[in-house]
Amino acid sequence: FLTDRRLPVTNNISERALRRLALGRNNWLFVATDEGGRVNATLVTLLASCEMHGLEPYAYLRTCSA
């Protein structure tokens, strides 16, 4: 980034993505069962995929459940 000014100085996008995992890790300690852990992992993966593809997660879940 020192020679090419088009490159960003920070990596905020990557840090924000990792922060979600770090905060969630503390919450996931209290998942009661293995099945609950699998459901949580599936939901987190679905929400991350929605975000990655520019979809609004709540609207996506509403249309999929209809």
Protein backbone atom coordinates (compact mmCIF):
# COMPACT_ATOMS: atom_id res chain seq x y z
CA PHE A 1 0.00 0.00 0.00
CA LEU A 2 2.99 2.31 0.25
CA THR A 3 3.66 2.29 -3.48
CA ASP A 4 0.10 1.79 -4.78
CA ARG A 5 -2.30 4.33 -3.28
CA ARG A 6 -5.35 2.40 -4.54
CA LEU A 7 -4.84 -0.25 -1.85
CA PRO A 8 -6.53 0.39 1.50
CA VAL A 9 -4.38 1.11 4.52
CA THR A 10 -6.63 -0.92 6.83
CA ASN A 11 -8.22 -4.35 6.64
CA ASN A 12 -11.45 -3.44 8.45
CA ILE A 13 -13.58 -5.82 6.36
CA SER A 14 -11.54 -8.83 7.46
CA GLU A 15 -11.37 -7.67 11.05
CA ARG A 16 -15.15 -7.19 11.24
CA ALA A 17 -15.72 -10.71 9.87
CA LEU A 18 -13.38 -12.19 12.48
CA ARG A 19 -14.93 -10.13 15.26
CA ARG A 20 -18.29 -11.80 14.67
CA LEU A 21 -16.67 -15.19 15.25
CA ALA A 22 -14.82 -14.02 18.34
CA LEU A 23 -17.98 -12.59 19.93
CA GLY A 24 -20.05 -15.60 18.93
CA ARG A 25 -17.52 -18.03 20.38
CA ASN A 26 -18.28 -16.70 23.84
CA ASN A 27 -22.03 -17.11 23.29
CA TRP A 28 -21.69 -20.57 21.74
CA LEU A 29 -20.18 -21.95 24.93
CA PHE A 30 -23.71 -22.28 26.25
CA VAL A 31 -25.31 -24.24 23.39
CA ALA A 32 -27.09 -26.99 25.31
CA THR A 33 -26.84 -29.92 22.87
CA ASP A 34 -24.89 -31.08 19.84
CA GLU A 35 -28.04 -30.64 17.73
CA GLY A 36 -28.35 -27.05 18.97
CA GLY A 37 -24.75 -26.45 17.93
CA ARG A 38 -25.42 -27.81 14.44
CA VAL A 39 -28.53 -25.65 14.05
CA ASN A 40 -26.60 -22.59 15.23
CA ALA A 41 -23.74 -23.30 12.82
CA THR A 42 -26.20 -23.71 9.94
CA LEU A 43 -27.96 -20.44 10.74
CA VAL A 44 -24.70 -18.48 11.12
CA THR A 45 -23.46 -19.91 7.80
CA LEU A 46 -26.71 -18.96 6.07
CA LEU A 47 -26.60 -15.42 7.43
CA ALA A 48 -22.95 -14.98 6.43
CA SER A 49 -23.73 -16.26 2.92
CA CYS A 50 -26.61 -13.79 2.61
CA GLU A 51 -24.35 -10.95 3.64
CA MET A 52 -21.60 -12.07 1.26
CA HIS A 53 -24.04 -12.06 -1.68
CA GLY A 54 -25.57 -8.71 -0.76
CA LEU A 55 -28.92 -10.11 0.41
CA GLU A 56 -30.83 -8.86 3.41
CA PRO A 57 -30.96 -11.95 5.69
CA TYR A 58 -34.39 -11.36 7.27
CA ALA A 59 -36.04 -10.80 3.89
CA TYR A 60 -34.33 -13.93 2.53
CA LEU A 61 -35.56 -16.05 5.43
CA ARG A 62 -39.11 -14.68 5.04
CA THR A 63 -39.25 -15.56 1.34
CA CYS A 64 -37.75 -19.03 1.89
CA SER A 65 -40.26 -19.89 4.62
CA ALA A 66 -43.30 -18.72 2.65
